[in-house]
């Protein structure tokens, strides 16, 4: 709960900046006003899809090194030889 307000503020800033940057990019490309807004606002669902994907896939990937299949597929690194002492 203590992070709810900062998270909401960050979400608002994120949506505003994505919309603005998409709008500017579309304007530079010569796209009309409705298309500019569409381009800017489309960046927001794209970012949401990216975040949702990383939320789902991230924890699954974090468990991957603990599996037997990973242990057999990835060779173990040989220990480094220490430098000779002078």
PDB file of N, CA and C in Angstrom:
ATOM      1  N   UNK A   1       0.804  -1.220   0.000  1.00  0.00           N
ATOM      2  CA  UNK A   1       0.000   0.000   0.000  1.00  0.00           C
ATOM      3  C   UNK A   1       0.843   1.278   0.000  1.00  0.00           C
ATOM      4  N   UNK A   2       1.999   1.309   0.666  1.00  0.00           N
ATOM      5  CA  UNK A   2       2.741   2.568   0.672  1.00  0.00           C
ATOM      6  C   UNK A   2       3.305   2.955  -0.700  1.00  0.00           C
ATOM      7  N   UNK A   3       3.404   2.013  -1.606  1.00  0.00           N
ATOM      8  CA  UNK A   3       3.935   2.333  -2.939  1.00  0.00           C
ATOM      9  C   UNK A   3       2.837   2.601  -3.960  1.00  0.00           C
ATOM     10  N   UNK A   4       1.587   2.525  -3.546  1.00  0.00           N
ATOM     11  CA  UNK A   4       0.475   2.690  -4.480  1.00  0.00           C
ATOM     12  C   UNK A   4       0.448   4.086  -5.108  1.00  0.00           C
ATOM     13  N   UNK A   5       0.621   5.113  -4.312  1.00  0.00           N
ATOM     14  CA  UNK A   5       0.583   6.478  -4.848  1.00  0.00           C
ATOM     15  C   UNK A   5       1.794   6.753  -5.750  1.00  0.00           C
ATOM     16  N   UNK A   6       3.022   6.424  -5.326  1.00  0.00           N
ATOM     17  CA  UNK A   6       4.144   6.626  -6.257  1.00  0.00           C
ATOM     18  C   UNK A   6       4.002   5.807  -7.541  1.00  0.00           C
ATOM     19  N   UNK A   7       3.487   4.592  -7.437  1.00  0.00           N
ATOM     20  CA  UNK A   7       3.300   3.774  -8.639  1.00  0.00           C
ATOM     21  C   UNK A   7       2.270   4.407  -9.570  1.00  0.00           C
ATOM     22  N   UNK A   8       1.194   4.933  -9.008  1.00  0.00           N
ATOM     23  CA  UNK A   8       0.174   5.592  -9.826  1.00  0.00           C
ATOM     24  C   UNK A   8       0.744   6.841 -10.506  1.00  0.00           C
ATOM     25  N   UNK A   9       1.550   7.606  -9.779  1.00  0.00           N
ATOM     26  CA  UNK A   9       2.160   8.797 -10.364  1.00  0.00           C
ATOM     27  C   UNK A   9       3.134   8.418 -11.481  1.00  0.00           C
ATOM     28  N   UNK A  10       3.911   7.379 -11.261  1.00  0.00           N
ATOM     29  CA  UNK A  10       4.824   6.924 -12.314  1.00  0.00           C
ATOM     30  C   UNK A  10       4.058   6.440 -13.538  1.00  0.00           C
ATOM     31  N   UNK A  11       2.937   5.772 -13.320  1.00  0.00           N
ATOM     32  CA  UNK A  11       2.124   5.306 -14.442  1.00  0.00           C
ATOM     33  C   UNK A  11       1.587   6.492 -15.247  1.00  0.00           C
ATOM     34  N   UNK A  12       1.146   7.519 -14.554  1.00  0.00           N
ATOM     35  CA  UNK A  12       0.628   8.713 -15.245  1.00  0.00           C
ATOM     36  C   UNK A  12       1.734   9.384 -16.055  1.00  0.00           C
ATOM     37  N   UNK A  13       2.907   9.530 -15.456  1.00  0.00           N
ATOM     38  CA  UNK A  13       4.039  10.139 -16.168  1.00  0.00           C
ATOM     39  C   UNK A  13       4.430   9.275 -17.363  1.00  0.00           C
ATOM     40  N   UNK A  14       4.462   7.961 -17.170  1.00  0.00           N
ATOM     41  CA  UNK A  14       4.816   7.040 -18.239  1.00  0.00           C
ATOM     42  C   UNK A  14       3.842   7.149 -19.411  1.00  0.00           C
ATOM     43  N   UNK A  15       2.564   7.146 -19.124  1.00  0.00           N
ATOM     44  CA  UNK A  15       1.549   7.256 -20.179  1.00  0.00           C
ATOM     45  C   UNK A  15       1.687   8.593 -20.908  1.00  0.00           C
ATOM     46  N   UNK A  16       1.895   9.654 -20.146  1.00  0.00           N
ATOM     47  CA  UNK A  16       2.013  10.990 -20.757  1.00  0.00           C
ATOM     48  C   UNK A  16       3.239  11.080 -21.657  1.00  0.00           C
ATOM     49  N   UNK A  17       4.377  10.575 -21.199  1.00  0.00           N
ATOM     50  CA  UNK A  17       5.591  10.694 -22.003  1.00  0.00           C
ATOM     51  C   UNK A  17       5.545   9.796 -23.238  1.00  0.00           C
ATOM     52  N   UNK A  18       4.970   8.604 -23.109  1.00  0.00           N
ATOM     53  CA  UNK A  18       4.845   7.729 -24.287  1.00  0.00           C
ATOM     54  C   UNK A  18       3.899   8.348 -25.311  1.00  0.00           C
ATOM     55  N   UNK A  19       2.803   8.891 -24.849  1.00  0.00           N
ATOM     56  CA  UNK A  19       1.853   9.531 -25.757  1.00  0.00           C
ATOM     57  C   UNK A  19       2.498  10.727 -26.452  1.00  0.00           C
ATOM     58  N   UNK A  20       3.209  11.524 -25.687  1.00  0.00           N
ATOM     59  CA  UNK A  20       3.848  12.716 -26.256  1.00  0.00           C
ATOM     60  C   UNK A  20       4.931  12.336 -27.272  1.00  0.00           C
ATOM     61  N   UNK A  21       5.783  11.376 -26.925  1.00  0.00           N
ATOM     62  CA  UNK A  21       6.863  11.013 -27.853  1.00  0.00           C
ATOM     63  C   UNK A  21       6.319  10.352 -29.112  1.00  0.00           C
ATOM     64  N   UNK A  22       5.287   9.520 -28.984  1.00  0.00           N
ATOM     65  CA  UNK A  22       4.669   8.927 -30.170  1.00  0.00           C
ATOM     66  C   UNK A  22       4.004   9.971 -31.041  1.00  0.00           C
ATOM     67  N   UNK A  23       3.365  10.930 -30.400  1.00  0.00           N
ATOM     68  CA  UNK A  23       2.707  12.025 -31.119  1.00  0.00           C
ATOM     69  C   UNK A  23       3.740  12.828 -31.904  1.00  0.00           C
ATOM     70  N   UNK A  24       4.857  13.158 -31.263  1.00  0.00           N
ATOM     71  CA  UNK A  24       5.906  13.931 -31.946  1.00  0.00           C
ATOM     72  C   UNK A  24       6.529  13.148 -33.099  1.00  0.00           C
ATOM     73  N   UNK A  25       6.770  11.863 -32.881  1.00  0.00           N
ATOM     74  CA  UNK A  25       7.362  11.048 -33.950  1.00  0.00           C
ATOM     75  C   UNK A  25       6.427  10.970 -35.155  1.00  0.00           C
ATOM     76  N   UNK A  26       5.144  10.795 -34.895  1.00  0.00           N
ATOM     77  CA  UNK A  26       4.178  10.729 -35.990  1.00  0.00           C
ATOM     78  C   UNK A  26       4.061  12.077 -36.698  1.00  0.00           C
ATOM     79  N   UNK A  27       4.165  13.160 -35.943  1.00  0.00           N
ATOM     80  CA  UNK A  27       4.109  14.493 -36.551  1.00  0.00           C
ATOM     81  C   UNK A  27       5.288  14.701 -37.492  1.00  0.00           C
ATOM     82  N   UNK A  28       6.474  14.281 -37.051  1.00  0.00           N
ATOM     83  CA  UNK A  28       7.660  14.406 -37.898  1.00  0.00           C
ATOM     84  C   UNK A  28       7.556  13.548 -39.146  1.00  0.00           C
ATOM     85  N   UNK A  29       6.792  12.451 -39.048  1.00  0.00           N
ATOM     86  CA  UNK A  29       6.613  11.569 -40.205  1.00  0.00           C
ATOM     87  C   UNK A  29       5.522  12.076 -41.135  1.00  0.00           C
ATOM     88  N   UNK A  30       4.860  13.185 -40.772  1.00  0.00           N
ATOM     89  CA  UNK A  30       3.845  13.770 -41.634  1.00  0.00           C
ATOM     90  C   UNK A  30       2.466  13.151 -41.484  1.00  0.00           C
ATOM     91  N   UNK A  31       2.231  12.465 -40.379  1.00  0.00           N
ATOM     92  CA  UNK A  31       0.931  11.825 -40.139  1.00  0.00           C
ATOM     93  C   UNK A  31      -0.040  12.869 -39.596  1.00  0.00           C
ATOM     94  N   UNK A  32      -1.310  12.759 -39.975  1.00  0.00           N
ATOM     95  CA  UNK A  32      -2.336  13.703 -39.539  1.00  0.00           C
ATOM     96  C   UNK A  32      -2.613  13.616 -38.049  1.00  0.00           C
ATOM     97  N   UNK A  33      -3.351  14.585 -37.538  1.00  0.00           N
ATOM     98  CA  UNK A  33      -3.594  14.709 -36.105  1.00  0.00           C
ATOM     99  C   UNK A  33      -4.211  13.456 -35.469  1.00  0.00           C
ATOM    100  N   UNK A  34      -5.277  12.850 -36.026  1.00  0.00           N
ATOM    101  CA  UNK A  34      -5.812  11.633 -35.381  1.00  0.00           C
ATOM    102  C   UNK A  34      -4.788  10.491 -35.366  1.00  0.00           C
ATOM    103  N   UNK A  35      -4.013  10.379 -36.424  1.00  0.00           N
ATOM    104  CA  UNK A  35      -2.994   9.343 -36.477  1.00  0.00           C
ATOM    105  C   UNK A  35      -1.876   9.574 -35.481  1.00  0.00           C
ATOM    106  N   UNK A  36      -1.576  10.842 -35.221  1.00  0.00           N
ATOM    107  CA  UNK A  36      -0.553  11.163 -34.222  1.00  0.00           C
ATOM    108  C   UNK A  36      -0.983  10.689 -32.843  1.00  0.00           C
ATOM    109  N   UNK A  37      -2.240  10.995 -32.504  1.00  0.00           N
ATOM    110  CA  UNK A  37      -2.746  10.560 -31.200  1.00  0.00           C
ATOM    111  C   UNK A  37      -2.808   9.037 -31.121  1.00  0.00           C
ATOM    112  N   UNK A  38      -3.240   8.422 -32.210  1.00  0.00           N
ATOM    113  CA  UNK A  38      -3.311   6.957 -32.242  1.00  0.00           C
ATOM    114  C   UNK A  38      -1.928   6.355 -32.032  1.00  0.00           C
ATOM    115  N   UNK A  39      -0.938   6.924 -32.701  1.00  0.00           N
ATOM    116  CA  UNK A  39       0.430   6.438 -32.554  1.00  0.00           C
ATOM    117  C   UNK A  39       0.917   6.596 -31.126  1.00  0.00           C
ATOM    118  N   UNK A  40       0.710   7.754 -30.557  1.00  0.00           N
ATOM    119  CA  UNK A  40       1.153   7.999 -29.186  1.00  0.00           C
ATOM    120  C   UNK A  40       0.478   7.101 -28.176  1.00  0.00           C
ATOM    121  N   UNK A  41      -0.832   6.960 -28.306  1.00  0.00           N
ATOM    122  CA  UNK A  41      -1.571   6.144 -27.345  1.00  0.00           C
ATOM    123  C   UNK A  41      -1.318   4.648 -27.535  1.00  0.00           C
ATOM    124  N   UNK A  42      -0.941   4.245 -28.738  1.00  0.00           N
ATOM    125  CA  UNK A  42      -0.639   2.837 -28.983  1.00  0.00           C
ATOM    126  C   UNK A  42       0.626   2.417 -28.241  1.00  0.00           C
ATOM    127  N   UNK A  43       1.542   3.342 -28.029  1.00  0.00           N
ATOM    128  CA  UNK A  43       2.749   3.000 -27.289  1.00  0.00           C
ATOM    129  C   UNK A  43       2.430   2.558 -25.862  1.00  0.00           C
ATOM    130  N   UNK A  44       1.357   3.078 -25.288  1.00  0.00           N
ATOM    131  CA  UNK A  44       0.975   2.694 -23.932  1.00  0.00           C
ATOM    132  C   UNK A  44       0.543   1.225 -23.856  1.00  0.00           C
ATOM    133  N   UNK A  45      -0.395   0.730 -24.731  1.00  0.00           N
ATOM    134  CA  UNK A  45      -0.705  -0.713 -24.667  1.00  0.00           C
ATOM    135  C   UNK A  45       0.494  -1.588 -25.011  1.00  0.00           C
ATOM    136  N   UNK A  46       1.372  -1.091 -25.889  1.00  0.00           N
ATOM    137  CA  UNK A  46       2.567  -1.863 -26.219  1.00  0.00           C
ATOM    138  C   UNK A  46       3.446  -2.028 -24.983  1.00  0.00           C
ATOM    139  N   UNK A  47       3.628  -0.951 -24.242  1.00  0.00           N
ATOM    140  CA  UNK A  47       4.424  -1.027 -23.009  1.00  0.00           C
ATOM    141  C   UNK A  47       3.746  -1.927 -21.985  1.00  0.00           C
ATOM    142  N   UNK A  48       2.429  -1.872 -21.904  1.00  0.00           N
ATOM    143  CA  UNK A  48       1.709  -2.730 -20.964  1.00  0.00           C
ATOM    144  C   UNK A  48       1.884  -4.202 -21.332  1.00  0.00           C
ATOM    145  N   UNK A  49       1.855  -4.511 -22.606  1.00  0.00           N
ATOM    146  CA  UNK A  49       2.054  -5.898 -23.047  1.00  0.00           C
ATOM    147  C   UNK A  49       3.468  -6.358 -22.727  1.00  0.00           C
ATOM    148  N   UNK A  50       4.437  -5.477 -22.915  1.00  0.00           N
ATOM    149  CA  UNK A  50       5.831  -5.801 -22.600  1.00  0.00           C
ATOM    150  C   UNK A  50       5.993  -6.086 -21.101  1.00  0.00           C
ATOM    151  N   UNK A  51       5.434  -5.240 -20.271  1.00  0.00           N
ATOM    152  CA  UNK A  51       5.545  -5.423 -18.824  1.00  0.00           C
ATOM    153  C   UNK A  51       4.841  -6.701 -18.388  1.00  0.00           C
ATOM    154  N   UNK A  52       3.661  -6.949 -18.918  1.00  0.00           N
ATOM    155  CA  UNK A  52       2.935  -8.167 -18.565  1.00  0.00           C
ATOM    156  C   UNK A  52       3.733  -9.405 -18.954  1.00  0.00           C
ATOM    157  N   UNK A  53       4.344  -9.369 -20.118  1.00  0.00           N
ATOM    158  CA  UNK A  53       5.161 -10.506 -20.559  1.00  0.00           C
ATOM    159  C   UNK A  53       6.332 -10.728 -19.623  1.00  0.00           C
ATOM    160  N   UNK A  54       7.024  -9.669 -19.233  1.00  0.00           N
ATOM    161  CA  UNK A  54       8.168  -9.836 -18.335  1.00  0.00           C
ATOM    162  C   UNK A  54       7.734 -10.261 -16.935  1.00  0.00           C
ATOM    163  N   UNK A  55       6.550  -9.849 -16.505  1.00  0.00           N
ATOM    164  CA  UNK A  55       6.037 -10.285 -15.205  1.00  0.00           C
ATOM    165  C   UNK A  55       5.806 -11.792 -15.201  1.00  0.00           C
ATOM    166  N   UNK A  56       5.313 -12.321 -16.307  1.00  0.00           N
ATOM    167  CA  UNK A  56       5.029 -13.757 -16.389  1.00  0.00           C
ATOM    168  C   UNK A  56       6.303 -14.560 -16.647  1.00  0.00           C
ATOM    169  N   UNK A  57       7.103 -14.128 -17.596  1.00  0.00           N
ATOM    170  CA  UNK A  57       8.266 -14.905 -18.019  1.00  0.00           C
ATOM    171  C   UNK A  57       9.438 -14.776 -17.041  1.00  0.00           C
ATOM    172  N   UNK A  58       9.610 -13.621 -16.436  1.00  0.00           N
ATOM    173  CA  UNK A  58      10.744 -13.382 -15.544  1.00  0.00           C
ATOM    174  C   UNK A  58      10.890 -14.401 -14.426  1.00  0.00           C
ATOM    175  N   UNK A  59       9.859 -14.621 -13.618  1.00  0.00           N
ATOM    176  CA  UNK A  59       9.985 -15.611 -12.545  1.00  0.00           C
ATOM    177  C   UNK A  59      10.219 -17.032 -13.063  1.00  0.00           C
ATOM    178  N   UNK A  60       9.652 -17.351 -14.211  1.00  0.00           N
ATOM    179  CA  UNK A  60       9.879 -18.684 -14.779  1.00  0.00           C
ATOM    180  C   UNK A  60      11.340 -18.848 -15.186  1.00  0.00           C
ATOM    181  N   UNK A  61      11.902 -17.815 -15.804  1.00  0.00           N
ATOM    182  CA  UNK A  61      13.307 -17.871 -16.190  1.00  0.00           C
ATOM    183  C   UNK A  61      14.232 -17.901 -14.981  1.00  0.00           C
ATOM    184  N   UNK A  62      13.843 -17.244 -13.912  1.00  0.00           N
ATOM    185  CA  UNK A  62      14.670 -17.228 -12.709  1.00  0.00           C
ATOM    186  C   UNK A  62      14.797 -18.622 -12.098  1.00  0.00           C
ATOM    187  N   UNK A  63      13.816 -19.477 -12.309  1.00  0.00           N
ATOM    188  CA  UNK A  63      13.866 -20.847 -11.788  1.00  0.00           C
ATOM    189  C   UNK A  63      14.609 -21.805 -12.705  1.00  0.00           C
ATOM    190  N   UNK A  64      14.853 -21.405 -13.918  1.00  0.00           N
ATOM    191  CA  UNK A  64      15.472 -22.281 -14.909  1.00  0.00           C
ATOM    192  C   UNK A  64      16.824 -22.852 -14.474  1.00  0.00           C
ATOM    193  N   UNK A  65      17.735 -22.079 -13.889  1.00  0.00           N
ATOM    194  CA  UNK A  65      19.031 -22.651 -13.507  1.00  0.00           C
ATOM    195  C   UNK A  65      18.948 -23.743 -12.445  1.00  0.00           C
ATOM    196  N   UNK A  66      17.843 -23.852 -11.735  1.00  0.00           N
ATOM    197  CA  UNK A  66      17.684 -24.877 -10.705  1.00  0.00           C
ATOM    198  C   UNK A  66      17.214 -26.219 -11.257  1.00  0.00           C
ATOM    199  N   UNK A  67      16.910 -26.288 -12.538  1.00  0.00           N
ATOM    200  CA  UNK A  67      16.392 -27.531 -13.113  1.00  0.00           C
ATOM    201  C   UNK A  67      17.528 -28.467 -13.510  1.00  0.00           C
ATOM    202  N   UNK A  68      17.225 -29.752 -13.519  1.00  0.00           N
ATOM    203  CA  UNK A  68      18.212 -30.751 -13.925  1.00  0.00           C
ATOM    204  C   UNK A  68      18.589 -30.575 -15.395  1.00  0.00           C
ATOM    205  N   UNK A  69      17.619 -30.264 -16.216  1.00  0.00           N
ATOM    206  CA  UNK A  69      17.885 -30.084 -17.647  1.00  0.00           C
ATOM    207  C   UNK A  69      18.898 -28.965 -17.882  1.00  0.00           C
ATOM    208  N   UNK A  70      18.788 -27.894 -17.123  1.00  0.00           N
ATOM    209  CA  UNK A  70      19.730 -26.779 -17.248  1.00  0.00           C
ATOM    210  C   UNK A  70      21.126 -27.217 -16.821  1.00  0.00           C
ATOM    211  N   UNK A  71      21.182 -27.958 -15.733  1.00  0.00           N
ATOM    212  CA  UNK A  71      22.483 -28.433 -15.231  1.00  0.00           C
ATOM    213  C   UNK A  71      23.215 -29.267 -16.271  1.00  0.00           C
ATOM    214  N   UNK A  72      22.484 -30.109 -17.001  1.00  0.00           N
ATOM    215  CA  UNK A  72      23.129 -30.959 -18.000  1.00  0.00           C
ATOM    216  C   UNK A  72      23.410 -30.206 -19.300  1.00  0.00           C
ATOM    217  N   UNK A  73      22.613 -29.186 -19.607  1.00  0.00           N
ATOM    218  CA  UNK A  73      22.773 -28.472 -20.871  1.00  0.00           C
ATOM    219  C   UNK A  73      23.881 -27.428 -20.826  1.00  0.00           C
ATOM    220  N   UNK A  74      24.107 -26.847 -19.669  1.00  0.00           N
ATOM    221  CA  UNK A  74      25.087 -25.769 -19.554  1.00  0.00           C
ATOM    222  C   UNK A  74      26.337 -26.321 -18.871  1.00  0.00           C
ATOM    223  N   UNK A  75      27.466 -26.277 -19.586  1.00  0.00           N
ATOM    224  CA  UNK A  75      28.690 -26.808 -18.975  1.00  0.00           C
ATOM    225  C   UNK A  75      29.131 -25.951 -17.789  1.00  0.00           C
ATOM    226  N   UNK A  76      29.686 -26.606 -16.812  1.00  0.00           N
ATOM    227  CA  UNK A  76      30.188 -25.875 -15.656  1.00  0.00           C
ATOM    228  C   UNK A  76      31.529 -25.253 -16.016  1.00  0.00           C
ATOM    229  N   UNK A  77      31.767 -24.101 -15.474  1.00  0.00           N
ATOM    230  CA  UNK A  77      33.012 -23.384 -15.740  1.00  0.00           C
ATOM    231  C   UNK A  77      34.126 -24.009 -14.903  1.00  0.00           C
ATOM    232  N   UNK A  78      35.248 -24.194 -15.547  1.00  0.00           N
ATOM    233  CA  UNK A  78      36.415 -24.717 -14.823  1.00  0.00           C
ATOM    234  C   UNK A  78      36.923 -23.636 -13.882  1.00  0.00           C
ATOM    235  N   UNK A  79      37.415 -24.026 -12.720  1.00  0.00           N
ATOM    236  CA  UNK A  79      37.946 -23.009 -11.798  1.00  0.00           C
ATOM    237  C   UNK A  79      39.165 -22.322 -12.407  1.00  0.00           C
ATOM    238  N   UNK A  80      39.311 -21.064 -12.111  1.00  0.00           N
ATOM    239  CA  UNK A  80      40.441 -20.289 -12.623  1.00  0.00           C
ATOM    240  C   UNK A  80      41.714 -20.680 -11.878  1.00  0.00           C
ATOM    241  N   UNK A  81      42.764 -20.723 -12.629  1.00  0.00           N
ATOM    242  CA  UNK A  81      44.061 -20.987 -12.008  1.00  0.00           C
ATOM    243  C   UNK A  81      44.536 -19.700 -11.332  1.00  0.00           C
ATOM    244  N   UNK A  82      45.066 -19.849 -10.150  1.00  0.00           N
ATOM    245  CA  UNK A  82      45.537 -18.651  -9.459  1.00  0.00           C
ATOM    246  C   UNK A  82      46.884 -18.224 -10.039  1.00  0.00           C
ATOM    247  N   UNK A  83      47.137 -16.959  -9.963  1.00  0.00           N
ATOM    248  CA  UNK A  83      48.398 -16.410 -10.483  1.00  0.00           C
ATOM    249  C   UNK A  83      49.550 -16.843  -9.579  1.00  0.00           C
ATOM    250  N   UNK A  84      50.691 -17.103 -10.157  1.00  0.00           N
ATOM    251  CA  UNK A  84      51.836 -17.507  -9.317  1.00  0.00           C
ATOM    252  C   UNK A  84      52.244 -16.367  -8.379  1.00  0.00           C
ATOM    253  N   UNK A  85      52.592 -16.735  -7.170  1.00  0.00           N
ATOM    254  CA  UNK A  85      53.014 -15.729  -6.189  1.00  0.00           C
ATOM    255  C   UNK A  85      54.466 -15.366  -6.413  1.00  0.00           C
ATOM    256  N   UNK A  86      54.773 -14.098  -6.213  1.00  0.00           N
ATOM    257  CA  UNK A  86      56.151 -13.641  -6.401  1.00  0.00           C
ATOM    258  C   UNK A  86      56.866 -13.553  -5.075  1.00  0.00           C
TER     259      UNK A  86
END
